[in-house]
Every structure is written in C-alpha cells, then in structure tokens.
Amino acid sequence: MKLTSLNVTARKSSTLPAKSTTKTHTTTTPNAIPVATATPVRTAISGAERRRNQRVLLRIRANIHVALQGKNTVLDAATLSVTPQGAVVVMNQSLPAETRLVLEHSGTHQRIDCKVARPPRETSEGYHTPIEFSTPAPGFWKINFPPADARPEEA
C-alpha cells in the first residue's frame, strides 16, 4: 500500500485548549498516556502498481491437468498474459478459486504446480482464469521479463 499523506485529528477533551495551532493533536484522559489519533488517506492504486511484476501479453498453448469429480482430466487452454508467478489462461471450462492443478507448457512439455488464484471471468472467448504458480518460476515461459519498475514508453 502506498501512503501519500497522513491526516491527524483530535478528539475533544476537557484538558485541551479550545483553540489549537499545532499540527499534531493528542488526547488525554485521567491517569492515561496521551494518544495521537491518525487517519491515513488512501489514493487509488493503479493495477500496474499493485502487481508484483510486469505482465507480458503472450499466447502459448497449454494443458491443465486437474482432478474433476475424482477423475484426472486434461483441459486445453491458452495463455493471455504471463508473469514469473503465473498466467491468465482462457479455457472452455470454469474452475473454482483455490483449485489445485498442474499447468503443462505445450511447447516444452514442462509442468508446474499451480492453483486458481481468483474466480474466472466469463467472456465470449471462454473463461479467463488467473493461475498462480506454487513457487515463482521466471524461466517457465522461456522469455525474459521486463524489470518490475519498468514503465511503458509514452507515445
């Protein structure tokens, strides 16, 4: 969370003067330690600032290995975007959040343990499902990711 400023307010107390010109206010009660009351001001944090790493738009065919109703099932999928921590994939079937699965990269046949990070979003293309690796694997996608603090160039 990014804290941009701090508003300090005071509760009225009989021990405080009626008019105060100080920026920091404290309240006191008999036999108590003075306490400052602070309220953080939150600003909207853009999605890019909230993410751990840069997303890379990349379409890769993948297979999802998952147990559905006690049966091992393989679902076809394709990535929409990838990160060192996972991907957003599109597939024809919805999987509930927290579902454990194995993602297989169709090009390398490399597999990695994952889970569905959040509920999928249904679109005309299929279900956009955020997948999170059990442990970060920056080499899984066989690409070099931009640094976390990189910003797109303005046109």
N, C-alpha and C. Protein backbone atom coordinates (compact mmCIF):
# COMPACT_ATOMS: atom_id res chain seq x y z
N MET A 1 0.84 -1.16 0.00
CA MET A 1 0.00 0.00 0.00
C MET A 1 0.89 1.23 0.00
N LYS A 2 0.51 2.22 -0.76
CA LYS A 2 1.26 3.45 -0.87
C LYS A 2 0.56 4.51 -0.03
N LEU A 3 1.24 5.04 0.96
CA LEU A 3 0.67 6.05 1.84
C LEU A 3 1.18 7.39 1.37
N THR A 4 0.25 8.26 0.95
CA THR A 4 0.69 9.53 0.39
C THR A 4 0.65 10.67 1.39
N SER A 5 -0.25 10.63 2.34
CA SER A 5 -0.30 11.69 3.35
C SER A 5 -0.99 11.15 4.59
N LEU A 6 -0.92 11.92 5.65
CA LEU A 6 -1.49 11.50 6.92
C LEU A 6 -2.26 12.65 7.50
N ASN A 7 -3.56 12.45 7.73
CA ASN A 7 -4.39 13.47 8.38
C ASN A 7 -4.44 13.14 9.85
N VAL A 8 -4.14 14.09 10.70
CA VAL A 8 -4.17 13.86 12.14
C VAL A 8 -5.33 14.66 12.70
N THR A 9 -6.22 13.97 13.40
CA THR A 9 -7.35 14.64 14.02
C THR A 9 -7.32 14.36 15.51
N ALA A 10 -8.01 15.18 16.25
CA ALA A 10 -8.03 15.00 17.70
C ALA A 10 -9.45 14.90 18.18
N ARG A 11 -9.65 14.09 19.19
CA ARG A 11 -10.93 14.03 19.88
C ARG A 11 -10.96 15.16 20.89
N LYS A 12 -12.14 15.75 21.10
CA LYS A 12 -12.24 16.84 22.06
C LYS A 12 -12.05 16.31 23.47
N SER A 13 -11.32 17.07 24.23
CA SER A 13 -11.05 16.68 25.60
C SER A 13 -11.08 17.94 26.46
N SER A 14 -11.50 17.81 27.68
CA SER A 14 -11.58 18.97 28.56
C SER A 14 -10.20 19.49 28.92
N THR A 15 -9.14 18.69 28.72
CA THR A 15 -7.80 19.14 29.08
C THR A 15 -7.12 19.89 27.95
N LEU A 16 -7.69 19.87 26.74
CA LEU A 16 -7.10 20.59 25.62
C LEU A 16 -7.66 22.00 25.56
N PRO A 17 -6.85 22.95 25.13
CA PRO A 17 -7.38 24.30 24.94
C PRO A 17 -8.41 24.29 23.82
N ALA A 18 -9.31 25.26 23.82
CA ALA A 18 -10.37 25.32 22.84
C ALA A 18 -9.81 25.54 21.44
N LYS A 19 -8.72 26.28 21.31
CA LYS A 19 -8.13 26.56 20.03
C LYS A 19 -6.70 26.04 20.02
N SER A 20 -6.35 25.25 19.02
CA SER A 20 -5.01 24.71 18.94
C SER A 20 -4.40 25.07 17.61
N THR A 21 -3.13 25.46 17.61
CA THR A 21 -2.46 25.80 16.37
C THR A 21 -1.40 24.77 16.00
N THR A 22 -1.27 23.71 16.78
CA THR A 22 -0.28 22.70 16.48
C THR A 22 -0.82 21.74 15.43
N LYS A 23 0.08 21.09 14.69
CA LYS A 23 -0.31 20.15 13.65
C LYS A 23 -0.60 18.76 14.22
N THR A 24 0.02 18.42 15.32
CA THR A 24 -0.21 17.12 15.93
C THR A 24 -1.07 17.32 17.16
N HIS A 25 -2.15 16.60 17.22
CA HIS A 25 -3.07 16.71 18.34
C HIS A 25 -3.01 15.43 19.16
N THR A 26 -3.13 15.57 20.43
CA THR A 26 -3.19 14.39 21.30
C THR A 26 -4.38 14.52 22.21
N THR A 27 -4.85 13.39 22.66
CA THR A 27 -5.94 13.39 23.63
C THR A 27 -5.44 12.77 24.91
N THR A 28 -5.98 13.22 26.00
CA THR A 28 -5.58 12.65 27.28
C THR A 28 -6.82 12.36 28.11
N THR A 29 -6.72 11.36 28.92
CA THR A 29 -7.75 11.03 29.90
C THR A 29 -7.05 10.91 31.23
N PRO A 30 -7.78 11.06 32.33
CA PRO A 30 -7.12 10.97 33.63
C PRO A 30 -6.37 9.64 33.78
N ASN A 31 -5.11 9.72 34.28
CA ASN A 31 -4.25 8.55 34.50
C ASN A 31 -3.98 7.75 33.24
N ALA A 32 -3.93 8.40 32.10
CA ALA A 32 -3.69 7.69 30.84
C ALA A 32 -2.57 8.37 30.08
N ILE A 33 -1.98 7.64 29.16
CA ILE A 33 -0.92 8.16 28.31
C ILE A 33 -1.59 8.90 27.15
N PRO A 34 -1.07 10.09 26.77
CA PRO A 34 -1.65 10.80 25.63
C PRO A 34 -1.58 9.93 24.37
N VAL A 35 -2.62 9.99 23.55
CA VAL A 35 -2.72 9.17 22.34
C VAL A 35 -3.01 10.08 21.16
N ALA A 36 -2.24 9.92 20.09
CA ALA A 36 -2.50 10.66 18.85
C ALA A 36 -3.43 9.83 17.99
N THR A 37 -4.40 10.48 17.38
CA THR A 37 -5.34 9.80 16.51
C THR A 37 -4.98 10.16 15.08
N ALA A 38 -4.69 9.16 14.25
CA ALA A 38 -4.30 9.40 12.87
C ALA A 38 -5.18 8.61 11.93
N THR A 39 -5.50 9.22 10.81
CA THR A 39 -6.29 8.57 9.79
C THR A 39 -5.53 8.62 8.48
N PRO A 40 -5.10 7.47 7.93
CA PRO A 40 -4.37 7.51 6.66
C PRO A 40 -5.30 7.87 5.52
N VAL A 41 -4.79 8.60 4.56
CA VAL A 41 -5.54 8.94 3.36
C VAL A 41 -5.05 8.02 2.26
N ARG A 42 -5.99 7.29 1.69
CA ARG A 42 -5.63 6.36 0.63
C ARG A 42 -5.91 6.99 -0.72
N THR A 43 -5.03 6.74 -1.64
CA THR A 43 -5.25 7.14 -3.02
C THR A 43 -5.45 5.89 -3.84
N ALA A 44 -6.08 6.05 -4.96
CA ALA A 44 -6.29 4.90 -5.83
C ALA A 44 -4.96 4.39 -6.33
N ILE A 45 -4.76 3.10 -6.24
CA ILE A 45 -3.53 2.48 -6.71
C ILE A 45 -3.86 1.77 -8.02
N SER A 46 -3.14 2.13 -9.05
CA SER A 46 -3.42 1.53 -10.34
C SER A 46 -3.06 0.05 -10.31
N GLY A 47 -3.64 -0.71 -11.22
CA GLY A 47 -3.38 -2.14 -11.29
C GLY A 47 -1.92 -2.45 -11.50
N ALA A 48 -1.22 -1.62 -12.29
CA ALA A 48 0.20 -1.85 -12.56
C ALA A 48 1.03 -1.72 -11.28
N GLU A 49 0.67 -0.77 -10.40
CA GLU A 49 1.41 -0.60 -9.15
C GLU A 49 1.13 -1.74 -8.18
N ARG A 50 -0.05 -2.33 -8.27
CA ARG A 50 -0.45 -3.38 -7.36
C ARG A 50 0.21 -4.72 -7.72
N ARG A 51 0.55 -4.91 -8.98
CA ARG A 51 1.13 -6.17 -9.42
C ARG A 51 2.56 -6.32 -8.94
N ARG A 52 2.96 -7.57 -8.74
CA ARG A 52 4.33 -7.84 -8.31
C ARG A 52 5.33 -7.68 -9.44
N ASN A 53 4.94 -8.04 -10.65
CA ASN A 53 5.82 -7.95 -11.82
C ASN A 53 5.02 -7.50 -13.02
N GLN A 54 5.74 -7.17 -14.07
CA GLN A 54 5.09 -6.78 -15.32
C GLN A 54 4.43 -7.99 -15.96
N ARG A 55 3.26 -7.76 -16.51
CA ARG A 55 2.60 -8.79 -17.29
C ARG A 55 3.09 -8.68 -18.73
N VAL A 56 3.24 -9.82 -19.36
CA VAL A 56 3.64 -9.86 -20.77
C VAL A 56 2.52 -10.55 -21.52
N LEU A 57 1.99 -9.86 -22.55
CA LEU A 57 0.94 -10.47 -23.37
C LEU A 57 1.59 -11.51 -24.26
N LEU A 58 1.18 -12.76 -24.09
CA LEU A 58 1.82 -13.86 -24.80
C LEU A 58 0.82 -15.01 -24.92
N ARG A 59 0.62 -15.48 -26.15
CA ARG A 59 -0.27 -16.61 -26.40
C ARG A 59 0.56 -17.88 -26.53
N ILE A 60 0.35 -18.79 -25.58
CA ILE A 60 1.02 -20.09 -25.60
C ILE A 60 -0.04 -21.15 -25.33
N ARG A 61 -0.05 -22.20 -26.11
CA ARG A 61 -0.96 -23.33 -25.85
C ARG A 61 -0.48 -24.03 -24.58
N ALA A 62 -1.43 -24.48 -23.78
CA ALA A 62 -1.11 -25.17 -22.54
C ALA A 62 -2.16 -26.23 -22.25
N ASN A 63 -1.80 -27.16 -21.40
CA ASN A 63 -2.74 -28.17 -20.91
C ASN A 63 -2.87 -27.98 -19.40
N ILE A 64 -4.09 -28.12 -18.93
CA ILE A 64 -4.38 -28.03 -17.49
C ILE A 64 -4.72 -29.44 -17.02
N HIS A 65 -3.92 -29.97 -16.12
CA HIS A 65 -4.17 -31.29 -15.53
C HIS A 65 -4.82 -31.06 -14.17
N VAL A 66 -6.06 -31.55 -14.03
CA VAL A 66 -6.81 -31.28 -12.80
C VAL A 66 -7.72 -32.48 -12.50
N ALA A 67 -7.99 -32.71 -11.23
CA ALA A 67 -8.93 -33.76 -10.82
C ALA A 67 -10.32 -33.14 -10.70
N LEU A 68 -11.24 -33.57 -11.55
CA LEU A 68 -12.62 -33.09 -11.51
C LEU A 68 -13.53 -34.25 -11.14
N GLN A 69 -14.24 -34.09 -10.06
CA GLN A 69 -15.15 -35.13 -9.55
C GLN A 69 -14.42 -36.45 -9.39
N GLY A 70 -13.17 -36.39 -8.91
CA GLY A 70 -12.39 -37.59 -8.64
C GLY A 70 -11.69 -38.19 -9.84
N LYS A 71 -11.86 -37.63 -11.03
CA LYS A 71 -11.23 -38.16 -12.24
C LYS A 71 -10.17 -37.18 -12.73
N ASN A 72 -9.00 -37.71 -13.10
CA ASN A 72 -7.96 -36.87 -13.69
C ASN A 72 -8.41 -36.43 -15.07
N THR A 73 -8.36 -35.13 -15.31
CA THR A 73 -8.84 -34.54 -16.55
C THR A 73 -7.78 -33.62 -17.12
N VAL A 74 -7.70 -33.57 -18.45
CA VAL A 74 -6.79 -32.65 -19.13
C VAL A 74 -7.66 -31.67 -19.92
N LEU A 75 -7.48 -30.37 -19.64
CA LEU A 75 -8.23 -29.32 -20.33
C LEU A 75 -7.28 -28.54 -21.24
N ASP A 76 -7.76 -28.18 -22.42
CA ASP A 76 -6.99 -27.33 -23.33
C ASP A 76 -7.11 -25.89 -22.86
N ALA A 77 -6.03 -25.14 -22.96
CA ALA A 77 -6.02 -23.74 -22.57
C ALA A 77 -5.01 -22.99 -23.41
N ALA A 78 -5.08 -21.67 -23.35
CA ALA A 78 -4.09 -20.80 -23.98
C ALA A 78 -3.87 -19.62 -23.04
N THR A 79 -2.63 -19.17 -22.94
CA THR A 79 -2.35 -18.02 -22.08
C THR A 79 -2.79 -16.75 -22.78
N LEU A 80 -3.21 -15.77 -21.97
CA LEU A 80 -3.49 -14.42 -22.45
C LEU A 80 -2.34 -13.50 -22.06
N SER A 81 -1.89 -13.66 -20.81
CA SER A 81 -0.74 -12.91 -20.30
C SER A 81 0.00 -13.81 -19.33
N VAL A 82 1.31 -13.56 -19.19
CA VAL A 82 2.14 -14.37 -18.32
C VAL A 82 2.98 -13.48 -17.41
N THR A 83 3.34 -14.01 -16.24
CA THR A 83 4.26 -13.36 -15.30
C THR A 83 5.17 -14.45 -14.74
N PRO A 84 6.22 -14.09 -14.01
CA PRO A 84 7.03 -15.12 -13.37
C PRO A 84 6.26 -15.91 -12.30
N GLN A 85 5.13 -15.37 -11.83
CA GLN A 85 4.34 -16.03 -10.80
C GLN A 85 3.14 -16.80 -11.35
N GLY A 86 2.88 -16.74 -12.66
CA GLY A 86 1.73 -17.45 -13.18
C GLY A 86 1.28 -16.90 -14.52
N ALA A 87 -0.05 -16.93 -14.73
CA ALA A 87 -0.61 -16.51 -16.01
C ALA A 87 -2.11 -16.30 -15.88
N VAL A 88 -2.66 -15.67 -16.88
CA VAL A 88 -4.11 -15.68 -17.08
C VAL A 88 -4.32 -16.54 -18.32
N VAL A 89 -5.12 -17.59 -18.16
CA VAL A 89 -5.38 -18.50 -19.28
C VAL A 89 -6.85 -18.41 -19.65
N VAL A 90 -7.13 -18.75 -20.88
CA VAL A 90 -8.51 -18.84 -21.35
C VAL A 90 -8.78 -20.30 -21.68
N MET A 91 -9.93 -20.78 -21.19
CA MET A 91 -10.33 -22.17 -21.46
C MET A 91 -11.85 -22.26 -21.51
N ASN A 92 -12.35 -23.39 -21.97
CA ASN A 92 -13.80 -23.57 -22.16
C ASN A 92 -14.53 -23.94 -20.89
N GLN A 93 -13.83 -24.26 -19.83
CA GLN A 93 -14.47 -24.69 -18.59
C GLN A 93 -14.03 -23.79 -17.44
N SER A 94 -14.94 -23.53 -16.53
CA SER A 94 -14.63 -22.73 -15.35
C SER A 94 -14.11 -23.62 -14.24
N LEU A 95 -13.10 -23.15 -13.52
CA LEU A 95 -12.60 -23.85 -12.34
C LEU A 95 -12.74 -22.93 -11.15
N PRO A 96 -13.19 -23.42 -10.01
CA PRO A 96 -13.36 -22.56 -8.84
C PRO A 96 -12.02 -22.05 -8.30
N ALA A 97 -12.05 -20.91 -7.63
CA ALA A 97 -10.86 -20.35 -6.99
C ALA A 97 -10.29 -21.37 -6.02
N GLU A 98 -8.97 -21.37 -5.88
CA GLU A 98 -8.21 -22.26 -4.99
C GLU A 98 -8.09 -23.69 -5.51
N THR A 99 -8.60 -23.99 -6.71
CA THR A 99 -8.45 -25.33 -7.29
C THR A 99 -6.98 -25.60 -7.57
N ARG A 100 -6.46 -26.72 -7.09
CA ARG A 100 -5.07 -27.12 -7.34
C ARG A 100 -5.03 -27.80 -8.70
N LEU A 101 -3.97 -27.51 -9.48
CA LEU A 101 -3.84 -28.08 -10.81
C LEU A 101 -2.37 -28.12 -11.21
N VAL A 102 -2.10 -28.76 -12.34
CA VAL A 102 -0.76 -28.77 -12.92
C VAL A 102 -0.90 -28.16 -14.31
N LEU A 103 -0.08 -27.13 -14.56
CA LEU A 103 -0.06 -26.46 -15.86
C LEU A 103 1.09 -27.04 -16.68
N GLU A 104 0.79 -27.45 -17.92
CA GLU A 104 1.81 -28.00 -18.81
C GLU A 104 2.01 -27.07 -20.00
N HIS A 105 3.23 -26.61 -20.19
CA HIS A 105 3.61 -25.76 -21.33
C HIS A 105 3.63 -26.68 -22.55
N SER A 106 2.79 -26.44 -23.55
CA SER A 106 2.68 -27.33 -24.71
C SER A 106 3.94 -27.35 -25.55
N GLY A 107 4.69 -26.26 -25.57
CA GLY A 107 5.92 -26.20 -26.37
C GLY A 107 7.06 -26.99 -25.76
N THR A 108 7.23 -26.94 -24.44
CA THR A 108 8.36 -27.60 -23.78
C THR A 108 7.95 -28.85 -23.01
N HIS A 109 6.67 -29.04 -22.81
CA HIS A 109 6.10 -30.13 -22.00
C HIS A 109 6.54 -30.06 -20.53
N GLN A 110 7.06 -28.91 -20.14
CA GLN A 110 7.41 -28.69 -18.73
C GLN A 110 6.12 -28.49 -17.94
N ARG A 111 6.09 -29.02 -16.71
CA ARG A 111 4.90 -28.93 -15.85
C ARG A 111 5.24 -28.20 -14.57
N ILE A 112 4.21 -27.52 -14.01
CA ILE A 112 4.39 -26.79 -12.77
C ILE A 112 3.09 -26.83 -11.96
N ASP A 113 3.23 -26.99 -10.63
CA ASP A 113 2.07 -26.99 -9.74
C ASP A 113 1.53 -25.58 -9.60
N CYS A 114 0.20 -25.46 -9.64
CA CYS A 114 -0.46 -24.16 -9.59
C CYS A 114 -1.76 -24.25 -8.82
N LYS A 115 -2.39 -23.09 -8.69
CA LYS A 115 -3.76 -23.02 -8.20
C LYS A 115 -4.48 -21.89 -8.92
N VAL A 116 -5.80 -21.95 -8.93
CA VAL A 116 -6.61 -20.87 -9.49
C VAL A 116 -6.62 -19.76 -8.44
N ALA A 117 -6.10 -18.59 -8.81
CA ALA A 117 -5.92 -17.51 -7.84
C ALA A 117 -7.22 -16.80 -7.48
N ARG A 118 -8.10 -16.58 -8.44
CA ARG A 118 -9.37 -15.88 -8.23
C ARG A 118 -10.43 -16.53 -9.11
N PRO A 119 -11.69 -16.26 -8.85
CA PRO A 119 -12.73 -16.83 -9.72
C PRO A 119 -12.55 -16.37 -11.17
N PRO A 120 -12.78 -17.27 -12.12
CA PRO A 120 -12.64 -16.91 -13.54
C PRO A 120 -13.70 -15.89 -13.96
N ARG A 121 -13.38 -15.18 -15.03
CA ARG A 121 -14.33 -14.22 -15.61
C ARG A 121 -14.79 -14.79 -16.94
N GLU A 122 -16.10 -14.92 -17.11
CA GLU A 122 -16.65 -15.48 -18.34
C GLU A 122 -16.70 -14.41 -19.42
N THR A 123 -16.18 -14.76 -20.61
CA THR A 123 -16.20 -13.86 -21.76
C THR A 123 -16.69 -14.65 -22.97
N SER A 124 -16.86 -13.98 -24.09
CA SER A 124 -17.28 -14.68 -25.30
C SER A 124 -16.20 -15.66 -25.79
N GLU A 125 -14.96 -15.41 -25.41
CA GLU A 125 -13.83 -16.26 -25.80
C GLU A 125 -13.72 -17.52 -24.94
N GLY A 126 -14.25 -17.46 -23.73
CA GLY A 126 -14.16 -18.56 -22.77
C GLY A 126 -13.98 -17.99 -21.37
N TYR A 127 -13.48 -18.79 -20.47
CA TYR A 127 -13.26 -18.36 -19.09
C TYR A 127 -11.83 -17.87 -18.91
N HIS A 128 -11.67 -16.60 -18.56
CA HIS A 128 -10.35 -16.04 -18.26
C HIS A 128 -10.03 -16.39 -16.81
N THR A 129 -9.05 -17.27 -16.64
CA THR A 129 -8.76 -17.84 -15.32
C THR A 129 -7.35 -17.45 -14.88
N PRO A 130 -7.23 -16.72 -13.76
CA PRO A 130 -5.90 -16.39 -13.24
C PRO A 130 -5.28 -17.58 -12.52
N ILE A 131 -4.10 -17.99 -12.97
CA ILE A 131 -3.39 -19.14 -12.42
C ILE A 131 -2.14 -18.63 -11.70
N GLU A 132 -1.90 -19.13 -10.51
CA GLU A 132 -0.72 -18.74 -9.72
C GLU A 132 0.15 -19.95 -9.45
N PHE A 133 1.46 -19.84 -9.77
CA PHE A 133 2.38 -20.94 -9.51
C PHE A 133 2.55 -21.13 -8.00
N SER A 134 2.83 -22.36 -7.58
CA SER A 134 3.11 -22.62 -6.15
C SER A 134 4.36 -21.89 -5.71
N THR A 135 5.36 -21.82 -6.59
CA THR A 135 6.59 -21.05 -6.35
C THR A 135 6.90 -20.28 -7.63
N PRO A 136 7.43 -19.05 -7.53
CA PRO A 136 7.75 -18.30 -8.74
C PRO A 136 8.70 -19.09 -9.65
N ALA A 137 8.44 -19.01 -10.95
CA ALA A 137 9.25 -19.74 -11.93
C ALA A 137 9.46 -18.86 -13.16
N PRO A 138 10.36 -17.87 -13.06
CA PRO A 138 10.55 -16.95 -14.18
C PRO A 138 11.00 -17.62 -15.47
N GLY A 139 11.65 -18.77 -15.41
CA GLY A 139 12.12 -19.45 -16.61
C GLY A 139 11.08 -20.34 -17.26
N PHE A 140 9.94 -20.53 -16.64
CA PHE A 140 8.93 -21.45 -17.16
C PHE A 140 8.45 -21.05 -18.56
N TRP A 141 8.29 -19.76 -18.81
CA TRP A 141 7.74 -19.30 -20.08
C TRP A 141 8.80 -19.13 -21.16
N LYS A 142 10.08 -19.28 -20.81
CA LYS A 142 11.19 -19.17 -21.77
C LYS A 142 11.27 -17.79 -22.41
N ILE A 143 11.00 -16.75 -21.61
CA ILE A 143 11.17 -15.37 -22.07
C ILE A 143 11.87 -14.58 -20.96
N ASN A 144 12.40 -13.42 -21.32
CA ASN A 144 12.98 -12.51 -20.34
C ASN A 144 11.93 -11.46 -20.01
N PHE A 145 11.60 -11.35 -18.72
CA PHE A 145 10.60 -10.38 -18.29
C PHE A 145 11.23 -9.02 -18.07
N PRO A 146 10.46 -7.94 -18.33
CA PRO A 146 10.99 -6.61 -18.04
C PRO A 146 11.12 -6.43 -16.53
N PRO A 147 11.99 -5.51 -16.08
CA PRO A 147 12.12 -5.27 -14.64
C PRO A 147 10.79 -4.81 -14.06
N ALA A 148 10.58 -5.06 -12.76
CA ALA A 148 9.34 -4.71 -12.09
C ALA A 148 9.05 -3.22 -12.14
N ASP A 149 10.08 -2.38 -12.17
CA ASP A 149 9.86 -0.93 -12.17
C ASP A 149 9.82 -0.32 -13.57
N ALA A 150 9.86 -1.15 -14.61
CA ALA A 150 9.82 -0.64 -15.97
C ALA A 150 8.43 -0.08 -16.28
N ARG A 151 8.40 1.03 -16.98
CA ARG A 151 7.14 1.65 -17.38
C ARG A 151 7.10 1.69 -18.90
N PRO A 152 5.91 1.48 -19.49
CA PRO A 152 5.81 1.58 -20.95
C PRO A 152 6.18 2.99 -21.41
N GLU A 153 6.83 3.07 -22.54
CA GLU A 153 7.19 4.38 -23.08
C GLU A 153 5.94 5.08 -23.57
N GLU A 154 5.89 6.38 -23.32
CA GLU A 154 4.74 7.15 -23.79
C GLU A 154 4.92 7.48 -25.26
N ALA A 155 3.84 7.38 -26.02
CA ALA A 155 3.90 7.63 -27.47
C ALA A 155 3.85 9.10 -27.77
